[in-house]
Amino acid sequence: MVHDMCTSLPPTQEDGFGVYNQTSVDIGYAWEDGNVSAGPSVAFYVVPACGITLCGRVGGLAVGGHAQTNAYVAGPLGVSVSVNVDWVGRGSLLLPGYVSVVVVAGPVLRWNAK
């Protein structure tokens, strides 16, 4: 599977909004009522951030990983949980080398093409 998740971050201070886009290539396993997948990812980000003493914008590319599971509980309706982990901020005075973790959970709808 190929996953792409684009997240827009609302402005928190005068530095404006941010964008965080992650693409992953996963290998998974599927059964009748669900599936799981995991694999490596790469993310592009431009986000406002604050360190201990400085605030500003941080941008770059980050490598990481992605995992997702979907469980279908009522026909095509189900629940999805996605976890993305990236190592961001290398070379930045604001974020000298931190981990970004994004967890998304919510409903999912499955449809089949015959």
PDB file of N, CA and C in Angstrom:
ATOM      1  N   MET A   1       0.827  -1.171   0.000  1.00  0.00           N
ATOM      2  CA  MET A   1       0.000   0.000   0.000  1.00  0.00           C
ATOM      3  C   MET A   1       0.877   1.242   0.000  1.00  0.00           C
ATOM      4  N   VAL A   2       0.341   2.296  -0.559  1.00  0.00           N
ATOM      5  CA  VAL A   2       0.979   3.605  -0.481  1.00  0.00           C
ATOM      6  C   VAL A   2       0.017   4.528   0.250  1.00  0.00           C
ATOM      7  N   HIS A   3       0.500   5.179   1.308  1.00  0.00           N
ATOM      8  CA  HIS A   3      -0.310   6.115   2.097  1.00  0.00           C
ATOM      9  C   HIS A   3       0.290   7.507   1.948  1.00  0.00           C
ATOM     10  N   ASP A   4      -0.578   8.501   1.842  1.00  0.00           N
ATOM     11  CA  ASP A   4      -0.136   9.887   1.881  1.00  0.00           C
ATOM     12  C   ASP A   4      -1.073  10.644   2.810  1.00  0.00           C
ATOM     13  N   MET A   5      -0.503  11.313   3.791  1.00  0.00           N
ATOM     14  CA  MET A   5      -1.305  12.085   4.734  1.00  0.00           C
ATOM     15  C   MET A   5      -0.761  13.506   4.772  1.00  0.00           C
ATOM     16  N   CYS A   6      -1.621  14.462   4.457  1.00  0.00           N
ATOM     17  CA  CYS A   6      -1.245  15.867   4.511  1.00  0.00           C
ATOM     18  C   CYS A   6      -1.997  16.517   5.665  1.00  0.00           C
ATOM     19  N   THR A   7      -1.258  17.137   6.572  1.00  0.00           N
ATOM     20  CA  THR A   7      -1.842  17.768   7.746  1.00  0.00           C
ATOM     21  C   THR A   7      -1.528  19.255   7.706  1.00  0.00           C
ATOM     22  N   SER A   8      -2.551  20.070   7.890  1.00  0.00           N
ATOM     23  CA  SER A   8      -2.306  21.502   8.024  1.00  0.00           C
ATOM     24  C   SER A   8      -2.447  21.861   9.495  1.00  0.00           C
ATOM     25  N   LEU A   9      -1.488  22.607   9.999  1.00  0.00           N
ATOM     26  CA  LEU A   9      -1.448  22.977  11.409  1.00  0.00           C
ATOM     27  C   LEU A   9      -1.892  24.425  11.545  1.00  0.00           C
ATOM     28  N   PRO A  10      -2.863  24.705  12.390  1.00  0.00           N
ATOM     29  CA  PRO A  10      -3.334  26.087  12.549  1.00  0.00           C
ATOM     30  C   PRO A  10      -2.250  26.962  13.162  1.00  0.00           C
ATOM     31  N   PRO A  11      -2.299  28.272  12.885  1.00  0.00           N
ATOM     32  CA  PRO A  11      -1.296  29.168  13.471  1.00  0.00           C
ATOM     33  C   PRO A  11      -1.413  29.209  14.988  1.00  0.00           C
ATOM     34  N   THR A  12      -0.273  29.106  15.665  1.00  0.00           N
ATOM     35  CA  THR A  12      -0.260  29.163  17.122  1.00  0.00           C
ATOM     36  C   THR A  12       0.303  30.483  17.625  1.00  0.00           C
ATOM     37  N   GLN A  13       1.132  31.123  16.821  1.00  0.00           N
ATOM     38  CA  GLN A  13       1.732  32.405  17.179  1.00  0.00           C
ATOM     39  C   GLN A  13       1.865  33.228  15.908  1.00  0.00           C
ATOM     40  N   GLU A  14       2.727  34.201  15.904  1.00  0.00           N
ATOM     41  CA  GLU A  14       2.902  35.057  14.742  1.00  0.00           C
ATOM     42  C   GLU A  14       3.582  34.350  13.574  1.00  0.00           C
ATOM     43  N   ASP A  15       4.060  33.126  13.748  1.00  0.00           N
ATOM     44  CA  ASP A  15       4.775  32.410  12.690  1.00  0.00           C
ATOM     45  C   ASP A  15       3.860  31.781  11.653  1.00  0.00           C
ATOM     46  N   GLY A  16       2.562  31.839  11.832  1.00  0.00           N
ATOM     47  CA  GLY A  16       1.625  31.348  10.826  1.00  0.00           C
ATOM     48  C   GLY A  16       1.377  29.849  10.885  1.00  0.00           C
ATOM     49  N   PHE A  17       0.673  29.381   9.862  1.00  0.00           N
ATOM     50  CA  PHE A  17       0.275  27.976   9.825  1.00  0.00           C
ATOM     51  C   PHE A  17       1.427  27.100   9.350  1.00  0.00           C
ATOM     52  N   GLY A  18       1.230  25.797   9.494  1.00  0.00           N
ATOM     53  CA  GLY A  18       2.240  24.847   9.062  1.00  0.00           C
ATOM     54  C   GLY A  18       1.638  23.751   8.205  1.00  0.00           C
ATOM     55  N   VAL A  19       2.500  23.053   7.483  1.00  0.00           N
ATOM     56  CA  VAL A  19       2.090  21.933   6.640  1.00  0.00           C
ATOM     57  C   VAL A  19       3.017  20.765   6.932  1.00  0.00           C
ATOM     58  N   TYR A  20       2.421  19.579   7.085  1.00  0.00           N
ATOM     59  CA  TYR A  20       3.180  18.368   7.361  1.00  0.00           C
ATOM     60  C   TYR A  20       2.631  17.281   6.450  1.00  0.00           C
ATOM     61  N   ASN A  21       3.418  16.836   5.462  1.00  0.00           N
ATOM     62  CA  ASN A  21       2.950  15.833   4.507  1.00  0.00           C
ATOM     63  C   ASN A  21       3.845  14.607   4.593  1.00  0.00           C
ATOM     64  N   GLN A  22       3.234  13.457   4.846  1.00  0.00           N
ATOM     65  CA  GLN A  22       3.994  12.215   4.994  1.00  0.00           C
ATOM     66  C   GLN A  22       3.505  11.187   3.979  1.00  0.00           C
ATOM     67  N   THR A  23       4.454  10.539   3.316  1.00  0.00           N
ATOM     68  CA  THR A  23       4.148   9.468   2.364  1.00  0.00           C
ATOM     69  C   THR A  23       4.870   8.210   2.823  1.00  0.00           C
ATOM     70  N   SER A  24       4.153   7.082   2.805  1.00  0.00           N
ATOM     71  CA  SER A  24       4.764   5.816   3.223  1.00  0.00           C
ATOM     72  C   SER A  24       4.423   4.719   2.224  1.00  0.00           C
ATOM     73  N   VAL A  25       5.293   3.726   2.185  1.00  0.00           N
ATOM     74  CA  VAL A  25       5.079   2.524   1.382  1.00  0.00           C
ATOM     75  C   VAL A  25       5.026   1.373   2.376  1.00  0.00           C
ATOM     76  N   ASP A  26       3.856   0.732   2.467  1.00  0.00           N
ATOM     77  CA  ASP A  26       3.629  -0.276   3.499  1.00  0.00           C
ATOM     78  C   ASP A  26       3.417  -1.663   2.911  1.00  0.00           C
ATOM     79  N   ILE A  27       3.756  -2.625   3.720  1.00  0.00           N
ATOM     80  CA  ILE A  27       3.418  -4.024   3.453  1.00  0.00           C
ATOM     81  C   ILE A  27       2.408  -4.421   4.510  1.00  0.00           C
ATOM     82  N   GLY A  28       1.376  -5.158   4.107  1.00  0.00           N
ATOM     83  CA  GLY A  28       0.336  -5.462   5.077  1.00  0.00           C
ATOM     84  C   GLY A  28      -0.285  -6.825   4.900  1.00  0.00           C
ATOM     85  N   TYR A  29      -1.242  -7.061   5.733  1.00  0.00           N
ATOM     86  CA  TYR A  29      -2.022  -8.299   5.726  1.00  0.00           C
ATOM     87  C   TYR A  29      -3.489  -7.918   5.873  1.00  0.00           C
ATOM     88  N   ALA A  30      -4.348  -8.531   5.048  1.00  0.00           N
ATOM     89  CA  ALA A  30      -5.782  -8.228   5.103  1.00  0.00           C
ATOM     90  C   ALA A  30      -6.571  -9.503   5.316  1.00  0.00           C
ATOM     91  N   TRP A  31      -7.685  -9.390   6.007  1.00  0.00           N
ATOM     92  CA  TRP A  31      -8.633 -10.469   6.186  1.00  0.00           C
ATOM     93  C   TRP A  31     -10.024  -9.882   5.969  1.00  0.00           C
ATOM     94  N   GLU A  32     -11.054 -10.670   6.129  1.00  0.00           N
ATOM     95  CA  GLU A  32     -12.410 -10.239   5.796  1.00  0.00           C
ATOM     96  C   GLU A  32     -12.849  -8.990   6.551  1.00  0.00           C
ATOM     97  N   ASP A  33     -12.524  -8.880   7.826  1.00  0.00           N
ATOM     98  CA  ASP A  33     -13.010  -7.769   8.636  1.00  0.00           C
ATOM     99  C   ASP A  33     -11.933  -6.768   9.037  1.00  0.00           C
ATOM    100  N   GLY A  34     -10.801  -6.726   8.325  1.00  0.00           N
ATOM    101  CA  GLY A  34      -9.799  -5.741   8.685  1.00  0.00           C
ATOM    102  C   GLY A  34      -8.492  -5.907   7.947  1.00  0.00           C
ATOM    103  N   ASN A  35      -7.542  -5.072   8.304  1.00  0.00           N
ATOM    104  CA  ASN A  35      -6.201  -5.161   7.745  1.00  0.00           C
ATOM    105  C   ASN A  35      -5.218  -4.414   8.634  1.00  0.00           C
ATOM    106  N   VAL A  36      -3.952  -4.762   8.500  1.00  0.00           N
ATOM    107  CA  VAL A  36      -2.861  -4.075   9.180  1.00  0.00           C
ATOM    108  C   VAL A  36      -1.754  -3.856   8.162  1.00  0.00           C
ATOM    109  N   SER A  37      -1.014  -2.773   8.324  1.00  0.00           N
ATOM    110  CA  SER A  37       0.107  -2.504   7.425  1.00  0.00           C
ATOM    111  C   SER A  37       1.142  -1.661   8.154  1.00  0.00           C
ATOM    112  N   ALA A  38       2.385  -1.746   7.692  1.00  0.00           N
ATOM    113  CA  ALA A  38       3.475  -0.962   8.278  1.00  0.00           C
ATOM    114  C   ALA A  38       4.586  -0.831   7.251  1.00  0.00           C
ATOM    115  N   GLY A  39       5.350   0.263   7.378  1.00  0.00           N
ATOM    116  CA  GLY A  39       6.465   0.445   6.467  1.00  0.00           C
ATOM    117  C   GLY A  39       7.181   1.756   6.685  1.00  0.00           C
ATOM    118  N   PRO A  40       8.238   1.996   5.893  1.00  0.00           N
ATOM    119  CA  PRO A  40       9.013   3.225   6.023  1.00  0.00           C
ATOM    120  C   PRO A  40       8.271   4.414   5.415  1.00  0.00           C
ATOM    121  N   SER A  41       8.676   5.621   5.837  1.00  0.00           N
ATOM    122  CA  SER A  41       8.022   6.816   5.329  1.00  0.00           C
ATOM    123  C   SER A  41       9.026   7.954   5.176  1.00  0.00           C
ATOM    124  N   VAL A  42       8.596   8.961   4.432  1.00  0.00           N
ATOM    125  CA  VAL A  42       9.345  10.206   4.311  1.00  0.00           C
ATOM    126  C   VAL A  42       8.331  11.336   4.445  1.00  0.00           C
ATOM    127  N   ALA A  43       8.721  12.398   5.140  1.00  0.00           N
ATOM    128  CA  ALA A  43       7.814  13.515   5.377  1.00  0.00           C
ATOM    129  C   ALA A  43       8.491  14.826   4.982  1.00  0.00           C
ATOM    130  N   PHE A  44       7.694  15.730   4.415  1.00  0.00           N
ATOM    131  CA  PHE A  44       8.102  17.094   4.139  1.00  0.00           C
ATOM    132  C   PHE A  44       7.333  17.976   5.100  1.00  0.00           C
ATOM    133  N   TYR A  45       8.010  18.903   5.775  1.00  0.00           N
ATOM    134  CA  TYR A  45       7.311  19.734   6.751  1.00  0.00           C
ATOM    135  C   TYR A  45       7.839  21.161   6.749  1.00  0.00           C
ATOM    136  N   VAL A  46       6.940  22.083   6.987  1.00  0.00           N
ATOM    137  CA  VAL A  46       7.237  23.491   7.247  1.00  0.00           C
ATOM    138  C   VAL A  46       6.270  23.880   8.351  1.00  0.00           C
ATOM    139  N   VAL A  47       6.765  23.988   9.581  1.00  0.00           N
ATOM    140  CA  VAL A  47       5.895  24.196  10.737  1.00  0.00           C
ATOM    141  C   VAL A  47       6.467  25.255  11.673  1.00  0.00           C
ATOM    142  N   PRO A  48       5.588  25.974  12.386  1.00  0.00           N
ATOM    143  CA  PRO A  48       6.080  26.850  13.445  1.00  0.00           C
ATOM    144  C   PRO A  48       6.491  25.997  14.642  1.00  0.00           C
ATOM    145  N   ALA A  49       7.575  26.389  15.287  1.00  0.00           N
ATOM    146  CA  ALA A  49       8.056  25.600  16.425  1.00  0.00           C
ATOM    147  C   ALA A  49       8.763  26.505  17.415  1.00  0.00           C
ATOM    148  N   CYS A  50       8.800  26.074  18.664  1.00  0.00           N
ATOM    149  CA  CYS A  50       9.524  26.795  19.708  1.00  0.00           C
ATOM    150  C   CYS A  50      10.433  25.834  20.446  1.00  0.00           C
ATOM    151  N   GLY A  51      11.670  26.249  20.627  1.00  0.00           N
ATOM    152  CA  GLY A  51      12.614  25.517  21.450  1.00  0.00           C
ATOM    153  C   GLY A  51      12.618  26.106  22.850  1.00  0.00           C
ATOM    154  N   ILE A  52      13.689  25.910  23.581  1.00  0.00           N
ATOM    155  CA  ILE A  52      13.774  26.418  24.951  1.00  0.00           C
ATOM    156  C   ILE A  52      13.815  27.943  24.954  1.00  0.00           C
ATOM    157  N   THR A  53      14.578  28.547  24.036  1.00  0.00           N
ATOM    158  CA  THR A  53      14.719  30.006  24.032  1.00  0.00           C
ATOM    159  C   THR A  53      14.299  30.665  22.731  1.00  0.00           C
ATOM    160  N   LEU A  54      14.169  29.929  21.625  1.00  0.00           N
ATOM    161  CA  LEU A  54      13.873  30.494  20.312  1.00  0.00           C
ATOM    162  C   LEU A  54      12.552  30.000  19.771  1.00  0.00           C
ATOM    163  N   CYS A  55      11.902  30.826  18.951  1.00  0.00           N
ATOM    164  CA  CYS A  55      10.717  30.409  18.201  1.00  0.00           C
ATOM    165  C   CYS A  55      10.924  30.797  16.741  1.00  0.00           C
ATOM    166  N   GLY A  56      10.319  30.040  15.843  1.00  0.00           N
ATOM    167  CA  GLY A  56      10.439  30.330  14.417  1.00  0.00           C
ATOM    168  C   GLY A  56       9.820  29.218  13.599  1.00  0.00           C
ATOM    169  N   ARG A  57      10.175  29.169  12.327  1.00  0.00           N
ATOM    170  CA  ARG A  57       9.678  28.135  11.429  1.00  0.00           C
ATOM    171  C   ARG A  57      10.765  27.101  11.201  1.00  0.00           C
ATOM    172  N   VAL A  58      10.362  25.852  11.124  1.00  0.00           N
ATOM    173  CA  VAL A  58      11.277  24.748  10.875  1.00  0.00           C
ATOM    174  C   VAL A  58      10.762  24.012   9.651  1.00  0.00           C
ATOM    175  N   GLY A  59      11.657  23.658   8.755  1.00  0.00           N
ATOM    176  CA  GLY A  59      11.246  22.922   7.563  1.00  0.00           C
ATOM    177  C   GLY A  59      12.297  21.926   7.160  1.00  0.00           C
ATOM    178  N   GLY A  60      11.879  20.940   6.398  1.00  0.00           N
ATOM    179  CA  GLY A  60      12.829  19.954   5.909  1.00  0.00           C
ATOM    180  C   GLY A  60      12.172  18.651   5.524  1.00  0.00           C
ATOM    181  N   LEU A  61      12.998  17.643   5.349  1.00  0.00           N
ATOM    182  CA  LEU A  61      12.568  16.276   5.073  1.00  0.00           C
ATOM    183  C   LEU A  61      12.908  15.412   6.276  1.00  0.00           C
ATOM    184  N   ALA A  62      12.060  14.460   6.567  1.00  0.00           N
ATOM    185  CA  ALA A  62      12.294  13.578   7.707  1.00  0.00           C
ATOM    186  C   ALA A  62      11.976  12.142   7.307  1.00  0.00           C
ATOM    187  N   VAL A  63      12.779  11.215   7.777  1.00  0.00           N
ATOM    188  CA  VAL A  63      12.505   9.794   7.564  1.00  0.00           C
ATOM    189  C   VAL A  63      11.827   9.242   8.806  1.00  0.00           C
ATOM    190  N   GLY A  64      11.078   8.169   8.625  1.00  0.00           N
ATOM    191  CA  GLY A  64      10.382   7.588   9.768  1.00  0.00           C
ATOM    192  C   GLY A  64       9.662   6.311   9.390  1.00  0.00           C
ATOM    193  N   GLY A  65       8.542   6.081  10.068  1.00  0.00           N
ATOM    194  CA  GLY A  65       7.763   4.874   9.843  1.00  0.00           C
ATOM    195  C   GLY A  65       6.284   5.136  10.013  1.00  0.00           C
ATOM    196  N   HIS A  66       5.487   4.240   9.472  1.00  0.00           N
ATOM    197  CA  HIS A  66       4.033   4.352   9.496  1.00  0.00           C
ATOM    198  C   HIS A  66       3.437   2.977   9.788  1.00  0.00           C
ATOM    199  N   ALA A  67       2.381   2.961  10.580  1.00  0.00           N
ATOM    200  CA  ALA A  67       1.625   1.728  10.830  1.00  0.00           C
ATOM    201  C   ALA A  67       0.149   2.088  10.869  1.00  0.00           C
ATOM    202  N   GLN A  68      -0.676   1.196  10.347  1.00  0.00           N
ATOM    203  CA  GLN A  68      -2.115   1.457  10.321  1.00  0.00           C
ATOM    204  C   GLN A  68      -2.872   0.144  10.459  1.00  0.00           C
ATOM    205  N   THR A  69      -4.014   0.234  11.128  1.00  0.00           N
ATOM    206  CA  THR A  69      -4.921  -0.904  11.211  1.00  0.00           C
ATOM    207  C   THR A  69      -6.347  -0.415  11.008  1.00  0.00           C
ATOM    208  N   ASN A  70      -7.123  -1.213  10.302  1.00  0.00           N
ATOM    209  CA  ASN A  70      -8.540  -0.936  10.066  1.00  0.00           C
ATOM    210  C   ASN A  70      -9.331  -2.153  10.521  1.00  0.00           C
ATOM    211  N   ALA A  71     -10.390  -1.926  11.272  1.00  0.00           N
ATOM    212  CA  ALA A  71     -11.276  -3.008  11.713  1.00  0.00           C
ATOM    213  C   ALA A  71     -12.698  -2.629  11.309  1.00  0.00           C
ATOM    214  N   TYR A  72     -13.322  -3.465  10.491  1.00  0.00           N
ATOM    215  CA  TYR A  72     -14.677  -3.200  10.006  1.00  0.00           C
ATOM    216  C   TYR A  72     -15.664  -3.931  10.907  1.00  0.00           C
ATOM    217  N   VAL A  73     -16.492  -3.143  11.604  1.00  0.00           N
ATOM    218  CA  VAL A  73     -17.342  -3.693  12.650  1.00  0.00           C
ATOM    219  C   VAL A  73     -18.807  -3.801  12.255  1.00  0.00           C
ATOM    220  N   ALA A  74     -19.239  -3.064  11.226  1.00  0.00           N
ATOM    221  CA  ALA A  74     -20.637  -3.100  10.787  1.00  0.00           C
ATOM    222  C   ALA A  74     -20.673  -3.004   9.268  1.00  0.00           C
ATOM    223  N   GLY A  75     -20.429  -4.130   8.602  1.00  0.00           N
ATOM    224  CA  GLY A  75     -20.397  -4.124   7.147  1.00  0.00           C
ATOM    225  C   GLY A  75     -19.231  -3.282   6.653  1.00  0.00           C
ATOM    226  N   PRO A  76     -19.524  -2.245   5.846  1.00  0.00           N
ATOM    227  CA  PRO A  76     -18.434  -1.411   5.330  1.00  0.00           C
ATOM    228  C   PRO A  76     -17.937  -0.346   6.308  1.00  0.00           C
ATOM    229  N   LEU A  77     -18.594  -0.181   7.444  1.00  0.00           N
ATOM    230  CA  LEU A  77     -18.213   0.837   8.422  1.00  0.00           C
ATOM    231  C   LEU A  77     -17.252   0.253   9.447  1.00  0.00           C
ATOM    232  N   GLY A  78     -16.182   0.994   9.718  1.00  0.00           N
ATOM    233  CA  GLY A  78     -15.194   0.497  10.665  1.00  0.00           C
ATOM    234  C   GLY A  78     -14.459   1.610  11.377  1.00  0.00           C
ATOM    235  N   VAL A  79     -13.385   1.216  12.040  1.00  0.00           N
ATOM    236  CA  VAL A  79     -12.536   2.128  12.803  1.00  0.00           C
ATOM    237  C   VAL A  79     -11.113   1.976  12.281  1.00  0.00           C
ATOM    238  N   SER A  80     -10.430   3.111  12.106  1.00  0.00           N
ATOM    239  CA  SER A  80      -9.062   3.107  11.615  1.00  0.00           C
ATOM    240  C   SER A  80      -8.157   3.817  12.621  1.00  0.00           C
ATOM    241  N   VAL A  81      -6.963   3.264  12.837  1.00  0.00           N
ATOM    242  CA  VAL A  81      -5.947   3.898  13.688  1.00  0.00           C
ATOM    243  C   VAL A  81      -4.648   3.916  12.889  1.00  0.00           C
ATOM    244  N   SER A  82      -4.067   5.116  12.765  1.00  0.00           N
ATOM    245  CA  SER A  82      -2.835   5.305  12.018  1.00  0.00           C
ATOM    246  C   SER A  82      -1.804   5.974  12.932  1.00  0.00           C
ATOM    247  N   VAL A  83      -0.568   5.467  12.915  1.00  0.00           N
ATOM    248  CA  VAL A  83       0.515   6.022  13.726  1.00  0.00           C
ATOM    249  C   VAL A  83       1.687   6.339  12.802  1.00  0.00           C
ATOM    250  N   ASN A  84       2.176   7.588  12.875  1.00  0.00           N
ATOM    251  CA  ASN A  84       3.308   8.035  12.069  1.00  0.00           C
ATOM    252  C   ASN A  84       4.394   8.550  13.008  1.00  0.00           C
ATOM    253  N   VAL A  85       5.615   8.096  12.809  1.00  0.00           N
ATOM    254  CA  VAL A  85       6.752   8.540  13.612  1.00  0.00           C
ATOM    255  C   VAL A  85       7.833   9.029  12.658  1.00  0.00           C
ATOM    256  N   ASP A  86       8.318  10.261  12.864  1.00  0.00           N
ATOM    257  CA  ASP A  86       9.374  10.829  12.031  1.00  0.00           C
ATOM    258  C   ASP A  86      10.422  11.496  12.903  1.00  0.00           C
ATOM    259  N   TRP A  87      11.662  11.498  12.430  1.00  0.00           N
ATOM    260  CA  TRP A  87      12.752  12.181  13.113  1.00  0.00           C
ATOM    261  C   TRP A  87      12.927  13.538  12.431  1.00  0.00           C
ATOM    262  N   VAL A  88      12.524  14.616  13.099  1.00  0.00           N
ATOM    263  CA  VAL A  88      12.495  15.951  12.503  1.00  0.00           C
ATOM    264  C   VAL A  88      13.491  16.889  13.177  1.00  0.00           C
ATOM    265  N   GLY A  89      13.824  17.971  12.492  1.00  0.00           N
ATOM    266  CA  GLY A  89      14.558  19.063  13.097  1.00  0.00           C
ATOM    267  C   GLY A  89      16.060  18.957  13.095  1.00  0.00           C
ATOM    268  N   ARG A  90      16.652  17.996  12.406  1.00  0.00           N
ATOM    269  CA  ARG A  90      18.110  17.903  12.388  1.00  0.00           C
ATOM    270  C   ARG A  90      18.698  19.173  11.768  1.00  0.00           C
ATOM    271  N   GLY A  91      19.684  19.739  12.401  1.00  0.00           N
ATOM    272  CA  GLY A  91      20.332  20.938  11.900  1.00  0.00           C
ATOM    273  C   GLY A  91      19.606  22.221  12.254  1.00  0.00           C
ATOM    274  N   SER A  92      18.576  22.160  13.064  1.00  0.00           N
ATOM    275  CA  SER A  92      17.821  23.348  13.439  1.00  0.00           C
ATOM    276  C   SER A  92      18.166  23.750  14.860  1.00  0.00           C
ATOM    277  N   LEU A  93      18.303  25.058  15.081  1.00  0.00           N
ATOM    278  CA  LEU A  93      18.526  25.539  16.446  1.00  0.00           C
ATOM    279  C   LEU A  93      17.263  25.397  17.290  1.00  0.00           C
ATOM    280  N   LEU A  94      16.083  25.429  16.623  1.00  0.00           N
ATOM    281  CA  LEU A  94      14.820  25.296  17.356  1.00  0.00           C
ATOM    282  C   LEU A  94      14.563  23.860  17.769  1.00  0.00           C
ATOM    283  N   LEU A  95      14.748  22.938  16.831  1.00  0.00           N
ATOM    284  CA  LEU A  95      14.511  21.515  17.094  1.00  0.00           C
ATOM    285  C   LEU A  95      15.761  20.753  16.688  1.00  0.00           C
ATOM    286  N   PRO A  96      16.728  20.587  17.568  1.00  0.00           N
ATOM    287  CA  PRO A  96      17.999  19.987  17.188  1.00  0.00           C
ATOM    288  C   PRO A  96      17.932  18.495  16.861  1.00  0.00           C
ATOM    289  N   GLY A  97      16.835  17.840  17.025  1.00  0.00           N
ATOM    290  CA  GLY A  97      16.746  16.412  16.703  1.00  0.00           C
ATOM    291  C   GLY A  97      15.661  15.750  17.506  1.00  0.00           C
ATOM    292  N   TYR A  98      14.421  16.004  17.160  1.00  0.00           N
ATOM    293  CA  TYR A  98      13.294  15.488  17.925  1.00  0.00           C
ATOM    294  C   TYR A  98      12.479  14.505  17.111  1.00  0.00           C
ATOM    295  N   VAL A  99      11.587  13.827  17.785  1.00  0.00           N
ATOM    296  CA  VAL A  99      10.698  12.859  17.159  1.00  0.00           C
ATOM    297  C   VAL A  99       9.312  13.474  17.057  1.00  0.00           C
ATOM    298  N   SER A 100       8.711  13.339  15.891  1.00  0.00           N
ATOM    299  CA  SER A 100       7.328  13.758  15.692  1.00  0.00           C
ATOM    300  C   SER A 100       6.465  12.503  15.659  1.00  0.00           C
ATOM    301  N   VAL A 101       5.423  12.475  16.477  1.00  0.00           N
ATOM    302  CA  VAL A 101       4.501  11.346  16.508  1.00  0.00           C
ATOM    303  C   VAL A 101       3.102  11.879  16.234  1.00  0.00           C
ATOM    304  N   VAL A 102       2.456  11.321  15.214  1.00  0.00           N
ATOM    305  CA  VAL A 102       1.086  11.695  14.868  1.00  0.00           C
ATOM    306  C   VAL A 102       0.235  10.437  14.962  1.00  0.00           C
ATOM    307  N   VAL A 103      -0.812  10.491  15.780  1.00  0.00           N
ATOM    308  CA  VAL A 103      -1.746   9.379  15.916  1.00  0.00           C
ATOM    309  C   VAL A 103      -3.114   9.887  15.492  1.00  0.00           C
ATOM    310  N   VAL A 104      -3.718   9.190  14.533  1.00  0.00           N
ATOM    311  CA  VAL A 104      -5.033   9.568  14.026  1.00  0.00           C
ATOM    312  C   VAL A 104      -5.950   8.363  14.177  1.00  0.00           C
ATOM    313  N   ALA A 105      -7.129   8.577  14.758  1.00  0.00           N
ATOM    314  CA  ALA A 105      -8.116   7.504  14.913  1.00  0.00           C
ATOM    315  C   ALA A 105      -9.476   8.051  14.508  1.00  0.00           C
ATOM    316  N   GLY A 106     -10.251   7.223  13.843  1.00  0.00           N
ATOM    317  CA  GLY A 106     -11.583   7.664  13.449  1.00  0.00           C
ATOM    318  C   GLY A 106     -12.298   6.638  12.596  1.00  0.00           C
ATOM    319  N   PRO A 107     -13.470   7.021  12.115  1.00  0.00           N
ATOM    320  CA  PRO A 107     -14.258   6.085  11.305  1.00  0.00           C
ATOM    321  C   PRO A 107     -13.645   5.906   9.919  1.00  0.00           C
ATOM    322  N   VAL A 108     -13.899   4.763   9.332  1.00  0.00           N
ATOM    323  CA  VAL A 108     -13.440   4.460   7.978  1.00  0.00           C
ATOM    324  C   VAL A 108     -14.580   3.752   7.252  1.00  0.00           C
ATOM    325  N   LEU A 109     -14.706   4.028   5.961  1.00  0.00           N
ATOM    326  CA  LEU A 109     -15.752   3.434   5.122  1.00  0.00           C
ATOM    327  C   LEU A 109     -15.076   2.666   4.000  1.00  0.00           C
ATOM    328  N   ARG A 110     -15.447   1.413   3.812  1.00  0.00           N
ATOM    329  CA  ARG A 110     -14.852   0.557   2.791  1.00  0.00           C
ATOM    330  C   ARG A 110     -15.852   0.328   1.680  1.00  0.00           C
ATOM    331  N   TRP A 111     -15.392   0.445   0.452  1.00  0.00           N
ATOM    332  CA  TRP A 111     -16.238   0.083  -0.668  1.00  0.00           C
ATOM    333  C   TRP A 111     -15.445  -0.785  -1.620  1.00  0.00           C
ATOM    334  N   ASN A 112     -16.150  -1.638  -2.342  1.00  0.00           N
ATOM    335  CA  ASN A 112     -15.529  -2.583  -3.258  1.00  0.00           C
ATOM    336  C   ASN A 112     -15.974  -2.282  -4.686  1.00  0.00           C
ATOM    337  N   ALA A 113     -15.061  -2.388  -5.632  1.00  0.00           N
ATOM    338  CA  ALA A 113     -15.405  -2.279  -7.047  1.00  0.00           C
ATOM    339  C   ALA A 113     -15.444  -3.690  -7.620  1.00  0.00           C
ATOM    340  N   LYS A 114     -16.550  -4.020  -8.281  1.00  0.00           N
ATOM    341  CA  LYS A 114     -16.686  -5.371  -8.838  1.00  0.00           C
ATOM    342  C   LYS A 114     -16.523  -5.355 -10.325  1.00  0.00           C
TER     343      LYS A 114
END
